[in-house]
């Protein structure tokens, strides 16, 4: 199987499959749309009419007419002048998905490029060669101009790229490695390559794939903690969720019920005098569920965006029109990224509170800081402090980027989305929360063992066993920074959810 690029149907699951090794190919019907749009460009170019981005300058320079003999130079100059991004390169996954999405938007048939441009993108995406794309420099309107220019330079044998080995080489050498020749740009093809939202869309798509795994691991961590603290599952009853029917809330409550089914620890205190748990335990369906609903919204937005024509001007073969508009403006993606960031922050905030419940003897009924010899040993005291630091950092990062704007291009582009900034912040929040949840899992696994010989559910015992393959029980104080990273890897890879089987 391969990913089918038709400009209309690429899904988040397709992106995941692509990153797992599936190749991409253009759907046959899409080639016809590419050809039809190109014919419109060539016809209007022959007419001598002024067409933005085809035979005019760009942005504030759109009133400058370019002679026909210099149209190819115009496109080449566009790529070179806009490739001024700064900062660390995007990850290999982020850059590869950006190439894939750029190809998918072009095959929608409204960009007016030749087949060879699309073919070059698809072959590059499948080759394992990754353009070096600096992560900073886009304001998220007129597209992700600077980072996409770095992507496009590699297509013409300029710029830089990473080989599959990770070696950083000039673009010409990277193309030769992939068996490709430098692309010679035609009219409109430069602007069609750099005017769009594929950088922010790639970043958001990959962030949402990470968020899925984090959400699943967060549910598992909550269940593990609930059992370690001898909490009640009463608040997860399906009847409670039914009278407030948010989809995410019902899903999380069901998942936790299933995760804890058959726990001997739970049965050992079913008839105790305790009536209610703290909110960080009792309200897991409401908080995790709201975050999942935000993720679902963002997934709908990014799937629309991945299958949209987002460059300018756009070509409409049905009536031969070329129209200037604003589909390059990244506001939908920026707002979705900001919204989902709030939900991800709350996975971390409530997880840190559950960790506090585990390590605080006034709340847990367990030894102080989960250490049998507390006093001599500090146990897991500072793990909770680290979680608190990360959660507090997230409060700063959660400030929405999408409400910001700054005029550019001599005020021609006077309102922008800051979409890439929004998703870069989301990426950092995900890093933090993966570690916060890892800390909770470590603490909950330790808490479990104070209830032996009682056993938890089969699902949670499998998770406990998985954690113990990476982190030994804490009997005496030791440095645990590496432990956090090892369990964070279990969270980010999906191994925690896989072990639970739920």
Protein backbone atom coordinates (compact mmCIF):
# COMPACT_ATOMS: atom_id res chain seq x y z
CA UNK A 1 0.00 0.00 0.00
CA UNK A 2 1.07 3.58 -0.59
CA UNK A 3 -0.27 6.98 0.42
CA UNK A 4 -2.54 8.30 -2.32
CA UNK A 5 -2.04 11.99 -3.04
CA UNK A 6 -5.09 13.56 -4.66
CA UNK A 7 -5.30 16.90 -2.86
CA UNK A 8 -8.50 15.85 -1.16
CA UNK A 9 -8.19 12.82 1.10
CA UNK A 10 -4.85 12.67 2.95
CA UNK A 11 -5.58 11.94 6.61
CA UNK A 12 -3.67 12.14 9.85
CA UNK A 13 -3.46 8.35 9.78
CA UNK A 14 -1.87 8.61 6.32
CA UNK A 15 0.77 10.92 7.77
CA UNK A 16 1.46 8.32 10.46
CA UNK A 17 1.79 5.59 7.84
CA UNK A 18 4.14 7.75 5.79
CA UNK A 19 6.38 8.28 8.81
CA UNK A 20 6.33 4.52 9.45
CA UNK A 21 7.73 3.87 5.97
CA UNK A 22 4.86 3.91 3.48
CA UNK A 23 5.67 5.62 0.18
CA UNK A 24 3.48 8.21 -1.53
CA UNK A 25 2.14 8.34 -5.08
CA UNK A 26 -0.04 10.74 -7.05
CA UNK A 27 -3.53 9.53 -7.92
CA UNK A 28 -3.95 9.30 -11.73
CA UNK A 29 -6.97 11.61 -11.77
CA UNK A 30 -4.98 14.29 -9.97
CA UNK A 31 -2.50 14.55 -12.84
CA UNK A 32 -5.31 15.70 -15.10
CA UNK A 33 -6.13 18.56 -12.73
CA UNK A 34 -2.46 19.55 -12.58
CA UNK A 35 -2.30 19.65 -16.39
CA UNK A 36 -5.52 21.65 -16.70
CA UNK A 37 -4.33 24.31 -14.27
CA UNK A 38 -0.98 24.61 -16.03
CA UNK A 39 -2.69 25.22 -19.36
CA UNK A 40 -4.55 28.18 -17.85
CA UNK A 41 -1.27 29.72 -16.66
CA UNK A 42 0.37 29.29 -20.05
CA UNK A 43 -2.64 30.70 -21.89
CA UNK A 44 -2.88 33.81 -19.73
CA UNK A 45 0.87 34.30 -19.86
CA UNK A 46 0.69 34.27 -23.66
CA UNK A 47 -2.07 36.90 -23.55
CA UNK A 48 0.29 39.45 -22.07
CA UNK A 49 -1.99 40.29 -19.13
CA UNK A 50 -0.42 41.10 -15.75
CA UNK A 51 -0.80 38.15 -13.39
CA UNK A 52 0.35 38.42 -9.80
CA UNK A 53 3.27 36.14 -9.05
CA UNK A 54 3.57 35.09 -12.69
CA UNK A 55 4.84 38.23 -14.36
CA UNK A 56 4.80 40.72 -11.49
CA UNK A 57 6.84 41.26 -8.34
CA UNK A 58 5.64 40.00 -4.98
CA UNK A 59 3.98 41.60 -1.96
CA UNK A 60 4.61 45.35 -1.95
CA UNK A 61 6.33 44.92 -5.35
CA UNK A 62 3.23 43.46 -7.02
CA UNK A 63 2.89 46.58 -9.17
CA UNK A 64 6.26 45.94 -10.84
CA UNK A 65 5.80 44.23 -14.23
CA UNK A 66 8.44 41.65 -15.17
CA UNK A 67 9.44 41.20 -18.84
CA UNK A 68 8.73 37.78 -20.32
CA UNK A 69 12.45 37.09 -20.77
CA UNK A 70 13.00 37.40 -17.00
CA UNK A 71 10.06 35.34 -15.73
CA UNK A 72 12.21 32.32 -14.92
CA UNK A 73 14.73 34.52 -13.13
CA UNK A 74 11.83 35.96 -11.12
CA UNK A 75 10.91 32.55 -9.73
CA UNK A 76 14.52 31.65 -8.97
CA UNK A 77 15.14 34.98 -7.24
CA UNK A 78 12.02 34.44 -5.17
CA UNK A 79 13.34 31.20 -3.69
CA UNK A 80 16.79 32.60 -3.01
CA UNK A 81 15.61 35.87 -1.47
CA UNK A 82 13.09 34.18 0.82
CA UNK A 83 15.42 31.45 2.14
CA UNK A 84 16.46 33.43 5.21
CA UNK A 85 15.08 31.25 8.01
CA UNK A 86 16.95 30.98 11.29
CA UNK A 87 17.15 28.62 14.25
CA UNK A 88 17.47 24.87 14.55
CA UNK A 89 16.35 22.70 11.64
CA UNK A 90 12.98 21.00 11.75
CA UNK A 91 13.19 17.33 12.65
CA UNK A 92 13.50 14.86 9.81
CA UNK A 93 9.88 13.79 10.31
CA UNK A 94 8.58 17.37 10.26
CA UNK A 95 10.52 18.27 7.11
CA UNK A 96 9.51 15.08 5.26
CA UNK A 97 5.83 15.61 6.03
CA UNK A 98 6.11 19.22 4.84
CA UNK A 99 7.41 17.94 1.48
CA UNK A 100 4.56 15.42 1.31
CA UNK A 101 1.92 18.06 2.09
CA UNK A 102 3.39 20.51 -0.41
CA UNK A 103 2.98 17.89 -3.12
CA UNK A 104 -0.57 17.12 -1.99
CA UNK A 105 -1.69 20.75 -2.18
CA UNK A 106 -0.24 21.13 -5.68
CA UNK A 107 -2.08 18.07 -7.02
CA UNK A 108 -5.37 19.60 -5.95
CA UNK A 109 -5.08 21.39 -9.28
CA UNK A 110 -5.24 25.09 -8.41
CA UNK A 111 -1.57 26.01 -8.38
CA UNK A 112 -0.66 25.95 -12.06
CA UNK A 113 2.62 24.05 -11.84
CA UNK A 114 3.91 21.46 -14.28
CA UNK A 115 3.86 17.75 -13.54
CA UNK A 116 7.61 17.69 -13.08
CA UNK A 117 7.38 19.96 -10.04
CA UNK A 118 4.98 17.60 -8.29
CA UNK A 119 7.01 14.57 -9.34
CA UNK A 120 10.18 16.11 -7.91
CA UNK A 121 8.46 16.70 -4.57
CA UNK A 122 7.02 13.19 -4.36
CA UNK A 123 10.28 11.52 -5.28
CA UNK A 124 12.11 13.64 -2.73
CA UNK A 125 9.57 12.75 -0.04
CA UNK A 126 10.01 9.04 -0.76
CA UNK A 127 13.80 9.16 -1.01
CA UNK A 128 14.72 9.66 2.64
CA UNK A 129 16.55 12.87 1.75
CA UNK A 130 15.35 15.65 4.07
CA UNK A 131 15.64 19.39 3.29
CA UNK A 132 17.30 21.47 5.99
CA UNK A 133 14.47 23.81 7.03
CA UNK A 134 15.14 26.34 9.83
CA UNK A 135 12.22 26.38 12.24
CA UNK A 136 12.03 30.16 12.76
CA UNK A 137 11.15 32.93 10.33
CA UNK A 138 7.49 32.42 9.37
CA UNK A 139 4.76 34.81 10.50
CA UNK A 140 2.12 32.46 9.11
CA UNK A 141 0.63 34.58 6.32
CA UNK A 142 1.56 34.75 2.67
CA UNK A 143 2.28 31.22 3.71
CA UNK A 144 5.30 29.87 5.54
CA UNK A 145 7.50 31.75 3.11
CA UNK A 146 10.98 31.49 4.60
CA UNK A 147 10.92 27.83 5.67
CA UNK A 148 9.21 26.70 2.47
CA UNK A 149 11.86 28.55 0.45
CA UNK A 150 14.51 26.43 2.14
CA UNK A 151 12.51 23.34 1.19
CA UNK A 152 12.15 24.50 -2.41
CA UNK A 153 15.85 25.33 -2.84
CA UNK A 154 16.70 21.65 -2.54
CA UNK A 155 14.41 20.87 -5.48
CA UNK A 156 16.56 23.09 -7.71
CA UNK A 157 19.86 21.75 -6.39
CA UNK A 158 20.57 24.55 -3.94
CA UNK A 159 20.21 24.91 -0.17
CA UNK A 160 21.07 21.99 2.09
CA UNK A 161 19.64 18.60 2.99
CA UNK A 162 20.20 15.68 5.31
CA UNK A 163 20.95 12.28 3.81
CA UNK A 164 19.24 9.25 5.40
CA UNK A 165 22.42 8.76 7.43
CA UNK A 166 21.91 12.20 8.98
CA UNK A 167 24.85 13.76 7.15
CA UNK A 168 24.21 17.39 6.14
CA UNK A 169 25.15 18.07 2.52
CA UNK A 170 24.56 20.70 -0.22
CA UNK A 171 21.27 20.39 -2.06
CA UNK A 172 22.87 19.34 -5.35
CA UNK A 173 24.64 16.44 -3.67
CA UNK A 174 21.44 15.41 -1.90
CA UNK A 175 19.51 15.37 -5.21
CA UNK A 176 22.21 13.23 -6.81
CA UNK A 177 21.98 10.79 -3.89
CA UNK A 178 18.22 10.55 -4.49
CA UNK A 179 18.73 10.03 -8.22
CA UNK A 180 17.18 13.39 -9.09
CA UNK A 181 18.29 16.28 -11.28
CA UNK A 182 17.86 19.95 -10.32
CA UNK A 183 14.46 21.31 -11.31
CA UNK A 184 14.31 24.21 -13.77
CA UNK A 185 11.50 26.47 -12.59
CA UNK A 186 8.83 27.78 -14.95
CA UNK A 187 6.39 30.67 -14.61
CA UNK A 188 4.54 30.76 -11.26
CA UNK A 189 6.30 27.68 -9.93
CA UNK A 190 8.47 29.47 -7.39
CA UNK A 191 5.56 31.18 -5.68
CA UNK A 192 3.51 27.97 -5.85
CA UNK A 193 6.24 26.20 -3.88
CA UNK A 194 6.62 28.70 -1.05
CA UNK A 195 3.19 30.26 -0.63
CA UNK A 196 1.22 27.96 1.67
CA UNK A 197 0.77 26.57 5.17
CA UNK A 198 2.60 23.28 4.87
CA UNK A 199 5.19 23.96 7.58
CA UNK A 200 2.63 24.78 10.27
CA UNK A 201 0.41 21.96 9.01
CA UNK A 202 3.25 19.44 9.19
CA UNK A 203 4.15 20.55 12.70
CA UNK A 204 0.55 20.38 13.86
CA UNK A 205 -0.07 16.98 12.26
CA UNK A 206 2.95 15.43 13.95
CA UNK A 207 2.10 17.12 17.25
CA UNK A 208 -1.39 15.65 17.11
CA UNK A 209 0.00 12.17 16.50
CA UNK A 210 2.13 12.65 19.61
CA UNK A 211 -0.88 14.01 21.48
CA UNK A 212 -2.86 10.85 20.73
CA UNK A 213 -0.21 8.70 22.38
CA UNK A 214 0.10 11.13 25.29
CA UNK A 215 -3.66 11.12 25.87
CA UNK A 216 -3.72 7.33 26.00
CA UNK A 217 -0.75 7.22 28.38
CA UNK A 218 -2.37 9.87 30.58
CA UNK A 219 -5.46 7.72 31.00
CA UNK A 220 -3.28 4.76 31.95
CA UNK A 221 -1.29 6.86 34.42
CA UNK A 222 -4.50 8.12 36.02
CA UNK A 223 -5.81 4.58 36.46
CA UNK A 224 -2.48 3.41 37.86
CA UNK A 225 -2.47 6.26 40.38
CA UNK A 226 -6.11 5.74 41.29
CA UNK A 227 -5.39 2.15 42.24
CA UNK A 228 -2.12 2.98 44.02
CA UNK A 229 -4.05 5.51 46.15
CA UNK A 230 -6.94 3.12 46.75
CA UNK A 231 -9.31 5.47 45.02
CA UNK A 232 -12.86 4.72 43.95
CA UNK A 233 -14.14 4.21 40.44
CA UNK A 234 -17.59 5.55 41.38
CA UNK A 235 -16.97 8.85 39.61
CA UNK A 236 -16.29 6.95 36.39
CA UNK A 237 -19.75 5.34 36.31
CA UNK A 238 -21.30 5.50 32.83
CA UNK A 239 -24.50 7.02 34.22
CA UNK A 240 -22.62 10.11 35.40
CA UNK A 241 -21.11 10.64 31.96
CA UNK A 242 -24.44 10.08 30.19
CA UNK A 243 -26.04 13.14 31.79
CA UNK A 244 -23.18 15.34 30.55
CA UNK A 245 -22.58 13.74 27.18
CA UNK A 246 -19.26 15.17 26.01
CA UNK A 247 -17.65 12.57 23.78
CA UNK A 248 -14.18 12.81 25.31
CA UNK A 249 -15.49 12.56 28.86
CA UNK A 250 -17.44 9.37 28.14
CA UNK A 251 -14.46 7.81 26.36
CA UNK A 252 -12.01 8.51 29.19
CA UNK A 253 -14.39 7.23 31.89
CA UNK A 254 -14.90 4.00 29.97
CA UNK A 255 -11.18 3.55 29.42
CA UNK A 256 -10.39 3.95 33.12
CA UNK A 257 -13.19 1.53 34.10
CA UNK A 258 -11.81 -1.07 31.72
CA UNK A 259 -8.21 -0.46 32.84
CA UNK A 260 -9.16 -1.13 36.47
CA UNK A 261 -11.48 -4.05 35.87
CA UNK A 262 -10.51 -7.01 38.01
CA UNK A 263 -8.21 -5.15 40.40
CA UNK A 264 -7.83 -6.88 43.77
CA UNK A 265 -6.56 -3.62 45.21
CA UNK A 266 -9.83 -1.96 44.24
CA UNK A 267 -11.87 -4.79 45.77
CA UNK A 268 -9.93 -4.62 49.05
CA UNK A 269 -11.41 -1.23 49.95
CA UNK A 270 -14.72 -1.23 48.07
CA UNK A 271 -16.76 -0.90 51.26
CA UNK A 272 -14.53 1.53 53.17
CA UNK A 273 -15.80 4.80 54.65
CA UNK A 274 -14.13 7.01 52.03
CA UNK A 275 -16.76 8.69 49.85
CA UNK A 276 -14.90 10.97 47.44
CA UNK A 277 -11.41 11.37 46.05
CA UNK A 278 -9.59 14.59 45.22
CA UNK A 279 -10.53 16.32 41.99
CA UNK A 280 -7.32 15.20 40.26
CA UNK A 281 -8.66 11.64 40.60
CA UNK A 282 -12.40 12.17 40.53
CA UNK A 283 -12.44 14.58 37.58
CA UNK A 284 -10.14 12.67 35.23
CA UNK A 285 -12.98 12.07 32.71
CA UNK A 286 -13.86 15.74 32.63
CA UNK A 287 -10.30 17.07 32.29
CA UNK A 288 -8.80 14.38 30.05
CA UNK A 289 -12.03 14.31 28.07
CA UNK A 290 -11.99 18.05 27.39
CA UNK A 291 -8.40 17.77 26.16
CA UNK A 292 -9.39 14.92 23.85
CA UNK A 293 -12.26 16.99 22.47
CA UNK A 294 -9.81 19.83 21.74
CA UNK A 295 -7.58 17.33 19.95
CA UNK A 296 -10.51 16.09 17.88
CA UNK A 297 -11.27 19.65 16.80
CA UNK A 298 -7.64 20.27 15.85
CA UNK A 299 -7.52 17.01 13.89
CA UNK A 300 -10.50 18.13 11.80
CA UNK A 301 -8.82 21.47 11.12
CA UNK A 302 -5.48 20.00 10.11
CA UNK A 303 -7.05 17.40 7.82
CA UNK A 304 -8.95 20.15 6.00
CA UNK A 305 -5.75 22.20 5.78
CA UNK A 306 -3.64 19.30 4.48
CA UNK A 307 -6.10 18.91 1.59
CA UNK A 308 -6.52 22.57 0.70
CA UNK A 309 -5.11 24.88 -1.97
CA UNK A 310 -3.25 27.46 0.12
CA UNK A 311 -1.05 29.35 -2.31
CA UNK A 312 -1.75 32.59 -4.18
CA UNK A 313 -2.89 33.32 -6.80
CA UNK A 314 -5.12 30.31 -7.40
CA UNK A 315 -5.98 28.85 -10.78
CA UNK A 316 -9.52 27.74 -11.64
CA UNK A 317 -9.44 25.62 -14.82
CA UNK A 318 -13.22 25.37 -15.12
CA UNK A 319 -13.54 29.02 -16.13
CA UNK A 320 -9.91 29.89 -16.84
CA UNK A 321 -9.62 32.37 -13.97
CA UNK A 322 -6.59 33.19 -11.86
CA UNK A 323 -7.68 34.83 -8.61
CA UNK A 324 -5.72 36.44 -5.81
CA UNK A 325 -7.01 35.63 -2.32
CA UNK A 326 -5.85 34.80 1.17
CA UNK A 327 -5.88 31.01 1.58
CA UNK A 328 -2.25 31.21 2.68
CA UNK A 329 -3.32 32.86 5.94
CA UNK A 330 -2.70 30.37 8.73
CA UNK A 331 -5.33 31.54 11.23
CA UNK A 332 -7.31 28.26 11.28
CA UNK A 333 -4.18 26.25 12.00
CA UNK A 334 -2.81 28.75 14.51
CA UNK A 335 -6.03 28.85 16.51
CA UNK A 336 -6.34 25.06 16.47
CA UNK A 337 -2.75 24.73 17.70
CA UNK A 338 -3.38 27.20 20.51
CA UNK A 339 -6.59 25.42 21.49
CA UNK A 340 -5.07 21.96 21.60
CA UNK A 341 -2.10 23.34 23.54
CA UNK A 342 -4.49 24.29 26.35
CA UNK A 343 -5.75 20.72 26.52
CA UNK A 344 -2.25 19.25 26.51
CA UNK A 345 -1.28 21.61 29.33
CA UNK A 346 -4.12 20.21 31.41
CA UNK A 347 -2.97 16.62 30.93
CA UNK A 348 0.20 17.83 32.65
CA UNK A 349 -1.46 19.99 35.30
CA UNK A 350 -3.76 17.25 36.59
CA UNK A 351 -1.00 14.63 36.34
CA UNK A 352 1.28 16.71 38.57
CA UNK A 353 -1.51 16.96 41.14
CA UNK A 354 -1.92 13.19 41.11
CA UNK A 355 1.82 12.82 41.65
CA UNK A 356 1.54 15.15 44.66
CA UNK A 357 -1.19 12.89 46.02
CA UNK A 358 1.15 9.92 45.66
CA UNK A 359 4.20 11.42 47.37
CA UNK A 360 2.44 13.39 50.13
CA UNK A 361 1.82 11.10 53.13
CA UNK A 362 -0.96 13.37 54.41
CA UNK A 363 -2.91 12.54 51.26
CA UNK A 364 -1.72 9.09 50.20
CA UNK A 365 -1.62 6.84 53.26
CA UNK A 366 1.71 5.68 51.81
CA UNK A 367 5.23 6.25 53.17
CA UNK A 368 6.48 9.86 52.76
CA UNK A 369 7.69 10.45 49.21
CA UNK A 370 7.20 6.73 48.56
CA UNK A 371 10.34 5.80 50.49
CA UNK A 372 10.40 3.16 53.26
CA UNK A 373 13.29 4.95 54.96
CA UNK A 374 12.20 8.55 54.48
CA UNK A 375 14.36 11.09 56.23
CA UNK A 376 17.55 9.29 55.44
CA UNK A 377 16.16 9.07 51.91
CA UNK A 378 14.27 11.85 50.10
CA UNK A 379 12.60 9.30 47.86
CA UNK A 380 10.53 10.85 45.08
CA UNK A 381 10.27 14.30 46.67
CA UNK A 382 12.05 16.11 43.83
CA UNK A 383 10.31 14.21 41.05
CA UNK A 384 7.18 16.09 42.03
CA UNK A 385 9.18 19.35 42.10
CA UNK A 386 10.36 18.72 38.53
CA UNK A 387 6.78 18.04 37.43
CA UNK A 388 5.70 21.29 39.09
CA UNK A 389 8.44 23.21 37.24
CA UNK A 390 7.36 21.81 33.88
CA UNK A 391 3.69 22.51 34.52
CA UNK A 392 4.49 26.10 35.49
CA UNK A 393 6.56 26.56 32.33
CA UNK A 394 3.56 25.39 30.34
CA UNK A 395 1.46 28.19 31.80
CA UNK A 396 3.75 30.66 30.03
CA UNK A 397 3.83 28.65 26.81
CA UNK A 398 0.03 28.38 26.73
CA UNK A 399 -0.34 32.08 25.92
CA UNK A 400 -1.97 32.04 22.47
CA UNK A 401 0.24 33.00 19.54
CA UNK A 402 -2.76 33.35 17.24
CA UNK A 403 -3.92 36.59 18.88
CA UNK A 404 -0.65 38.24 17.88
CA UNK A 405 0.05 39.95 14.58
CA UNK A 406 2.78 42.17 13.16
CA UNK A 407 2.73 44.01 9.81
CA UNK A 408 5.20 42.85 7.15
CA UNK A 409 6.12 43.60 3.53
CA UNK A 410 5.76 47.37 3.80
CA UNK A 411 2.32 46.91 5.39
CA UNK A 412 0.96 45.04 2.37
CA UNK A 413 0.74 41.99 4.61
CA UNK A 414 -0.64 43.78 7.63
CA UNK A 415 -2.28 40.92 9.55
CA UNK A 416 -0.59 37.58 10.11
CA UNK A 417 -1.37 34.38 12.04
CA UNK A 418 1.88 33.40 13.78
CA UNK A 419 0.88 29.81 13.02
CA UNK A 420 4.35 28.28 13.15
CA UNK A 421 5.00 30.00 16.47
CA UNK A 422 1.79 28.49 17.83
CA UNK A 423 2.81 24.97 16.87
CA UNK A 424 6.41 25.33 18.03
CA UNK A 425 5.03 26.24 21.46
CA UNK A 426 2.74 23.22 21.32
CA UNK A 427 5.73 21.03 20.55
CA UNK A 428 7.53 22.31 23.65
CA UNK A 429 4.41 21.76 25.77
CA UNK A 430 4.23 18.17 24.53
CA UNK A 431 7.87 17.63 25.54
CA UNK A 432 7.09 18.89 29.03
CA UNK A 433 3.88 16.92 29.53
CA UNK A 434 5.36 13.66 28.29
CA UNK A 435 7.90 14.03 31.10
CA UNK A 436 5.26 15.00 33.67
CA UNK A 437 3.22 11.89 32.86
CA UNK A 438 6.40 9.79 32.95
CA UNK A 439 7.03 11.06 36.49
CA UNK A 440 3.50 10.08 37.51
CA UNK A 441 3.96 6.60 36.06
CA UNK A 442 7.20 6.14 37.99
CA UNK A 443 5.58 7.28 41.24
CA UNK A 444 2.43 5.22 40.71
CA UNK A 445 4.48 2.09 39.99
CA UNK A 446 6.30 2.64 43.28
CA UNK A 447 3.03 3.21 45.12
CA UNK A 448 1.63 -0.04 43.74
CA UNK A 449 4.22 -2.10 45.52
CA UNK A 450 3.19 -1.00 48.99
CA UNK A 451 -0.07 -2.94 48.47
CA UNK A 452 1.52 -6.31 47.73
CA UNK A 453 0.57 -9.13 47.78
CA UNK A 454 -2.63 -7.58 46.36
CA UNK A 455 -2.65 -7.35 42.59
CA UNK A 456 -4.13 -4.74 40.33
CA UNK A 457 -5.97 -5.46 37.09
CA UNK A 458 -4.27 -7.48 34.38
CA UNK A 459 -3.98 -4.33 32.23
CA UNK A 460 -2.32 -2.25 34.93
CA UNK A 461 -0.04 -5.07 36.04
CA UNK A 462 1.25 -5.25 32.45
CA UNK A 463 1.97 -1.53 32.55
CA UNK A 464 3.70 -1.90 35.91
CA UNK A 465 5.85 -4.69 34.49
CA UNK A 466 6.75 -2.50 31.49
CA UNK A 467 7.84 0.34 33.74
CA UNK A 468 9.96 -2.04 35.77
CA UNK A 469 11.85 -3.04 32.61
CA UNK A 470 13.10 0.57 32.48
CA UNK A 471 13.08 1.73 36.11
CA UNK A 472 14.00 -0.30 39.18
CA UNK A 473 12.04 0.06 42.39
CA UNK A 474 13.45 2.89 44.51
CA UNK A 475 14.78 1.35 47.72
CA UNK A 476 17.52 3.90 48.33
CA UNK A 477 18.05 7.35 46.85
CA UNK A 478 19.64 7.43 43.43
CA UNK A 479 19.80 9.84 40.50
CA UNK A 480 16.56 9.38 38.52
CA UNK A 481 16.92 11.82 35.61
CA UNK A 482 17.65 8.97 33.21
CA UNK A 483 14.67 7.04 34.59
CA UNK A 484 12.37 9.92 33.64
CA UNK A 485 13.69 9.95 30.08
CA UNK A 486 13.34 6.19 29.69
CA UNK A 487 9.71 6.26 30.78
CA UNK A 488 9.10 9.39 28.69
CA UNK A 489 10.21 7.28 25.70
CA UNK A 490 7.57 4.70 26.64
CA UNK A 491 4.94 7.45 26.68
CA UNK A 492 5.97 9.07 23.39
CA UNK A 493 6.32 5.78 21.52
CA UNK A 494 2.89 4.47 22.50
CA UNK A 495 4.40 1.58 24.47
CA UNK A 496 2.43 2.41 27.63
CA UNK A 497 -0.89 2.14 25.85
CA UNK A 498 0.20 -0.97 23.97
CA UNK A 499 1.14 -2.69 27.22
CA UNK A 500 -2.24 -1.93 28.77
CA UNK A 501 -4.06 -3.51 25.84
CA UNK A 502 -6.98 -1.10 26.32
